[in-house]
Amino acid sequence: MAKKKKNIDLRNKNLEFTENGISYKLLLFKAENMTVDVLRYENGTKLDEYNIPFAHIPKAIKKLIKPN
């Protein structure tokens, strides 16, 4: 039976990035399906919780998460 990959909680690392005027705060990295849960903010206002593929986040942030 295959091992289940663990989720990595990123809340305490306070990782954020901005793209197209929207700020993203990383919450949880799901290694099993290689996605990241984020909170989206625009002008300091919380929009929603969102799920994005790991490949779509900036390279500098990927290095900090280290999924391997």
Protein backbone atom coordinates (compact mmCIF):
# COMPACT_ATOMS: atom_id res chain seq x y z
CA MET A 1 0.00 0.00 0.00
CA ALA A 2 1.28 3.45 -0.89
CA LYS A 3 2.26 5.93 1.79
CA LYS A 4 0.01 8.91 2.25
CA LYS A 5 1.84 12.22 1.91
CA LYS A 6 1.32 14.69 4.72
CA ASN A 7 -0.08 18.18 4.50
CA ILE A 8 2.28 20.98 5.53
CA ASP A 9 0.83 23.85 7.57
CA LEU A 10 2.30 27.14 6.29
CA ARG A 11 0.37 29.57 8.51
CA ASN A 12 3.24 30.04 10.99
CA LYS A 13 5.74 30.83 8.19
CA ASN A 14 3.75 33.91 7.05
CA LEU A 15 4.51 33.33 3.36
CA GLU A 16 2.90 35.83 1.00
CA PHE A 17 3.20 36.96 -2.59
CA THR A 18 1.42 39.46 -4.83
CA GLU A 19 0.32 38.90 -8.41
CA ASN A 20 -1.81 41.23 -10.58
CA GLY A 21 -2.72 43.44 -7.61
CA ILE A 22 -3.97 40.52 -5.51
CA SER A 23 -2.05 39.36 -2.43
CA TYR A 24 -1.93 35.68 -1.55
CA LYS A 25 -1.17 34.34 1.93
CA LEU A 26 -0.23 30.65 1.97
CA LEU A 27 -2.10 28.47 4.45
CA LEU A 28 -1.61 24.77 3.67
CA PHE A 29 0.47 22.75 1.21
CA LYS A 30 -1.20 19.48 0.18
CA ALA A 31 1.60 17.19 -0.98
CA GLU A 32 -0.72 14.42 -2.17
CA ASN A 33 -2.18 16.49 -5.02
CA MET A 34 0.52 19.25 -5.13
CA THR A 35 -1.80 22.18 -4.38
CA VAL A 36 -1.66 25.11 -1.98
CA ASP A 37 -4.55 26.62 -0.03
CA VAL A 38 -4.27 30.42 0.06
CA LEU A 39 -6.21 33.44 1.28
CA ARG A 40 -6.70 36.12 -1.36
CA TYR A 41 -6.60 39.81 -0.44
CA GLU A 42 -7.20 42.88 -2.57
CA ASN A 43 -6.41 46.32 -1.10
CA GLY A 44 -6.26 44.78 2.38
CA THR A 45 -9.73 43.27 2.07
CA LYS A 46 -10.09 39.49 2.34
CA LEU A 47 -11.68 38.06 -0.79
CA ASP A 48 -11.85 34.31 -0.20
CA GLU A 49 -9.99 31.09 0.46
CA TYR A 50 -8.65 29.62 -2.74
CA ASN A 51 -6.77 26.53 -3.92
CA ILE A 52 -3.99 26.89 -6.52
CA PRO A 53 -1.56 24.41 -8.09
CA PHE A 54 1.92 24.37 -6.56
CA ALA A 55 3.42 25.03 -10.01
CA HIS A 56 1.69 28.44 -10.19
CA ILE A 57 3.37 30.00 -7.16
CA PRO A 58 6.62 31.99 -7.51
CA LYS A 59 9.91 30.11 -7.53
CA ALA A 60 11.23 31.94 -4.45
CA ILE A 61 8.25 30.69 -2.41
CA LYS A 62 8.62 27.13 -3.72
CA LYS A 63 12.17 27.00 -2.36
CA LEU A 64 10.90 27.88 1.13
CA ILE A 65 8.26 25.12 1.13
CA LYS A 66 10.51 22.28 -0.15
CA PRO A 67 7.89 19.60 -0.92
CA ASN A 68 10.38 16.75 -1.40
